[in-house]
């Protein structure tokens, strides 16, 4: 007796199990050194926003944990990384003062803890946490969301008012006024979304692609 192969087995599996076949670009590729931002952008899943229902900052864990166990919270780690002319509070890793060459505005900002200038320098989540929530993070554990919120790849010391202006915007709704920084900015957003498997909307992808078209050799940040 001759046994005929089962025709369209993948389709039958979809009909019976309700499982959609994989489509190109659904799985994000973990960025590695030497990847261009444009190539990694094309690995990201494109979907609409999920509802913001249930989002709170607390869903991403306590702010500024010591994730790397170096005895210093993430906020001070980023200030130490991004500021120059730094001084510390006596006997601690707490940044007391410094100077920020702000990537978002292109201006220089003085930072001094405890005075008015401290609010002029803030730590931005490059992929806004509420944006992350609506593009996949709602389904994560709190531990994974906490890792995202404290990942140095996701964090930049920036101009405080511009950070407030950005709010929860993605690249389709907000870009740094400093046009010279737009390529590195969207490259970092792509890197974060690829690392954590977050998706992008079509409008967001189009906006990022338009910027990267002006800098096709822009590499993905990996640290």
Protein backbone atom coordinates (compact mmCIF):
# COMPACT_ATOMS: atom_id res chain seq x y z
CA UNK A 1 0.00 0.00 0.00
CA UNK A 2 1.39 3.38 -0.98
CA UNK A 3 1.21 6.08 1.71
CA UNK A 4 0.76 9.57 0.32
CA UNK A 5 2.47 12.45 2.17
CA UNK A 6 0.19 14.71 4.13
CA UNK A 7 -0.37 17.78 1.98
CA UNK A 8 -0.28 21.15 3.65
CA UNK A 9 0.63 19.78 7.09
CA UNK A 10 1.66 23.23 8.30
CA UNK A 11 -1.73 24.62 7.32
CA UNK A 12 -3.52 21.74 9.04
CA UNK A 13 -1.48 22.40 12.18
CA UNK A 14 -2.60 26.03 12.08
CA UNK A 15 -6.25 25.05 11.64
CA UNK A 16 -6.21 22.41 14.38
CA UNK A 17 -3.95 24.03 16.95
CA UNK A 18 -4.58 27.68 16.15
CA UNK A 19 -0.86 28.29 15.77
CA UNK A 20 0.14 30.83 13.15
CA UNK A 21 3.20 30.04 11.06
CA UNK A 22 6.24 32.18 11.73
CA UNK A 23 6.65 35.18 9.49
CA UNK A 24 9.88 37.02 8.64
CA UNK A 25 10.94 39.58 11.23
CA UNK A 26 8.91 38.16 14.13
CA UNK A 27 11.92 37.15 16.25
CA UNK A 28 14.28 39.89 17.34
CA UNK A 29 18.00 39.23 16.93
CA UNK A 30 20.23 39.91 19.93
CA UNK A 31 22.55 42.73 18.82
CA UNK A 32 26.26 42.06 18.64
CA UNK A 33 29.29 44.23 18.06
CA UNK A 34 29.50 45.32 14.44
CA UNK A 35 25.78 45.11 13.65
CA UNK A 36 24.25 48.15 12.02
CA UNK A 37 21.16 49.66 13.57
CA UNK A 38 19.35 49.39 10.22
CA UNK A 39 19.93 45.63 10.04
CA UNK A 40 18.71 45.06 13.60
CA UNK A 41 15.67 47.28 13.04
CA UNK A 42 14.52 44.86 10.35
CA UNK A 43 14.49 41.98 12.84
CA UNK A 44 11.97 43.67 15.13
CA UNK A 45 8.35 42.58 15.16
CA UNK A 46 5.93 45.25 13.89
CA UNK A 47 2.60 45.41 15.77
CA UNK A 48 0.13 47.92 17.12
CA UNK A 49 0.31 49.20 20.67
CA UNK A 50 -1.20 47.08 23.41
CA UNK A 51 -3.43 48.91 25.92
CA UNK A 52 -1.71 50.95 28.61
CA UNK A 53 -4.08 49.37 31.15
CA UNK A 54 -2.25 48.27 34.29
CA UNK A 55 0.89 50.31 33.70
CA UNK A 56 2.55 51.98 36.67
CA UNK A 57 6.21 52.80 37.32
CA UNK A 58 6.11 50.22 40.12
CA UNK A 59 5.59 47.49 37.53
CA UNK A 60 9.28 48.01 36.66
CA UNK A 61 10.50 47.51 40.20
CA UNK A 62 11.95 49.91 42.74
CA UNK A 63 13.73 52.80 41.06
CA UNK A 64 17.51 52.71 40.83
CA UNK A 65 18.42 49.36 42.26
CA UNK A 66 22.00 48.14 42.52
CA UNK A 67 21.56 45.56 39.76
CA UNK A 68 25.27 44.93 39.15
CA UNK A 69 26.09 44.56 42.86
CA UNK A 70 28.83 47.19 42.84
CA UNK A 71 27.45 48.87 45.96
CA UNK A 72 26.14 51.89 44.04
CA UNK A 73 22.63 52.41 42.67
CA UNK A 74 22.02 52.63 38.93
CA UNK A 75 21.32 56.37 38.92
CA UNK A 76 24.73 57.18 40.34
CA UNK A 77 26.36 54.64 38.03
CA UNK A 78 24.90 56.49 35.03
CA UNK A 79 25.83 59.93 36.39
CA UNK A 80 29.38 58.68 36.88
CA UNK A 81 29.44 57.30 33.32
CA UNK A 82 27.91 60.31 31.55
CA UNK A 83 29.15 63.35 33.49
CA UNK A 84 32.61 64.88 33.53
CA UNK A 85 34.43 66.84 36.27
CA UNK A 86 32.70 64.66 38.85
CA UNK A 87 32.91 65.02 42.61
CA UNK A 88 31.43 62.53 45.08
CA UNK A 89 29.90 62.83 48.51
CA UNK A 90 32.58 62.04 51.03
CA UNK A 91 33.10 58.30 51.50
CA UNK A 92 30.43 57.26 49.01
CA UNK A 93 29.72 56.62 45.33
CA UNK A 94 27.00 59.29 45.29
CA UNK A 95 27.74 61.89 42.62
CA UNK A 96 27.72 65.34 44.24
CA UNK A 97 28.45 67.46 41.19
CA UNK A 98 29.58 67.31 37.60
CA UNK A 99 29.10 68.60 34.09
CA UNK A 100 26.85 67.06 31.46
CA UNK A 101 27.44 67.47 27.75
CA UNK A 102 23.78 66.87 27.01
CA UNK A 103 23.20 64.68 23.94
CA UNK A 104 19.57 65.78 23.50
CA UNK A 105 20.17 69.53 23.32
CA UNK A 106 23.88 69.74 22.54
CA UNK A 107 24.33 72.13 25.46
CA UNK A 108 26.45 71.92 28.61
CA UNK A 109 24.63 71.61 31.94
CA UNK A 110 26.07 71.97 35.43
CA UNK A 111 24.86 69.41 37.97
CA UNK A 112 24.98 69.85 41.72
CA UNK A 113 23.06 67.56 44.02
CA UNK A 114 20.59 69.21 46.37
CA UNK A 115 20.29 72.53 44.53
CA UNK A 116 18.21 73.73 41.62
CA UNK A 117 20.57 72.38 38.97
CA UNK A 118 20.03 68.79 40.09
CA UNK A 119 16.61 68.68 38.39
CA UNK A 120 18.16 69.97 35.18
CA UNK A 121 19.92 66.62 34.75
CA UNK A 122 17.74 63.52 34.72
CA UNK A 123 18.24 59.87 33.81
CA UNK A 124 16.15 59.02 30.76
CA UNK A 125 14.84 55.58 29.89
CA UNK A 126 15.64 55.74 26.18
CA UNK A 127 12.74 53.41 25.51
CA UNK A 128 10.12 54.98 27.75
CA UNK A 129 8.85 52.46 30.28
CA UNK A 130 5.19 52.99 29.38
CA UNK A 131 6.14 52.53 25.71
CA UNK A 132 7.90 49.29 26.64
CA UNK A 133 4.80 48.21 28.57
CA UNK A 134 2.58 48.68 25.53
CA UNK A 135 5.03 46.88 23.24
CA UNK A 136 5.55 43.64 25.11
CA UNK A 137 6.68 44.31 28.68
CA UNK A 138 3.13 43.97 30.05
CA UNK A 139 3.58 40.20 29.69
CA UNK A 140 6.93 40.01 31.48
CA UNK A 141 7.82 39.20 35.07
CA UNK A 142 8.59 42.12 37.39
CA UNK A 143 12.17 40.84 37.54
CA UNK A 144 12.64 41.21 33.78
CA UNK A 145 11.02 44.66 33.79
CA UNK A 146 13.33 45.69 36.65
CA UNK A 147 16.34 44.57 34.63
CA UNK A 148 15.21 46.70 31.70
CA UNK A 149 14.61 49.75 33.89
CA UNK A 150 18.15 49.52 35.32
CA UNK A 151 20.04 48.42 32.20
CA UNK A 152 22.80 50.95 31.31
CA UNK A 153 22.02 50.36 27.63
CA UNK A 154 18.55 51.79 28.30
CA UNK A 155 19.72 54.79 30.35
CA UNK A 156 21.20 58.21 29.55
CA UNK A 157 21.85 61.32 31.64
CA UNK A 158 20.08 64.12 29.76
CA UNK A 159 18.51 67.56 29.97
CA UNK A 160 15.66 67.31 32.49
CA UNK A 161 13.09 69.53 30.73
CA UNK A 162 13.64 67.69 27.43
CA UNK A 163 13.20 64.38 29.21
CA UNK A 164 9.86 65.66 30.51
CA UNK A 165 8.94 66.84 27.03
CA UNK A 166 9.66 63.39 25.60
CA UNK A 167 7.41 61.75 28.22
CA UNK A 168 6.40 58.30 26.93
CA UNK A 169 6.97 59.11 23.26
CA UNK A 170 8.62 56.80 20.77
CA UNK A 171 10.62 57.82 17.69
CA UNK A 172 7.42 58.53 15.76
CA UNK A 173 6.37 61.24 18.23
CA UNK A 174 9.61 62.61 19.76
CA UNK A 175 13.23 63.01 18.71
CA UNK A 176 16.09 64.97 20.33
CA UNK A 177 16.27 68.59 19.13
CA UNK A 178 20.00 68.01 18.61
CA UNK A 179 19.85 66.52 15.09
CA UNK A 180 23.46 65.37 15.33
CA UNK A 181 22.42 62.89 18.03
CA UNK A 182 19.36 61.42 16.32
CA UNK A 183 21.18 58.52 14.68
CA UNK A 184 22.81 57.31 17.94
CA UNK A 185 19.51 57.90 19.76
CA UNK A 186 17.36 55.68 17.53
CA UNK A 187 20.18 53.13 17.31
CA UNK A 188 20.07 52.81 21.10
CA UNK A 189 16.29 52.40 21.03
CA UNK A 190 16.64 49.64 18.44
CA UNK A 191 19.34 47.96 20.54
CA UNK A 192 17.15 47.96 23.65
CA UNK A 193 14.09 46.65 21.80
CA UNK A 194 16.11 43.90 20.15
CA UNK A 195 17.81 42.86 23.40
CA UNK A 196 14.51 42.54 25.26
CA UNK A 197 12.25 41.40 22.41
CA UNK A 198 10.05 44.49 22.37
CA UNK A 199 8.17 45.33 19.19
CA UNK A 200 7.74 48.56 17.23
CA UNK A 201 4.71 50.12 15.57
CA UNK A 202 4.79 50.70 11.82
CA UNK A 203 4.93 54.46 12.34
CA UNK A 204 7.82 54.05 14.76
CA UNK A 205 9.74 51.76 12.41
CA UNK A 206 9.21 54.17 9.52
CA UNK A 207 10.48 57.10 11.60
CA UNK A 208 13.58 55.19 12.71
CA UNK A 209 14.28 53.94 9.18
CA UNK A 210 14.05 57.50 7.83
CA UNK A 211 16.70 58.67 10.29
CA UNK A 212 18.97 55.67 9.74
CA UNK A 213 18.81 56.25 5.98
CA UNK A 214 20.96 59.32 6.65
CA UNK A 215 23.54 57.22 8.54
CA UNK A 216 23.42 53.68 7.08
CA UNK A 217 26.68 52.67 8.77
CA UNK A 218 25.42 53.62 12.27
CA UNK A 219 26.40 50.74 14.53
CA UNK A 220 24.22 49.32 17.27
CA UNK A 221 25.43 50.04 20.83
CA UNK A 222 26.00 46.81 22.72
CA UNK A 223 27.06 47.98 26.17
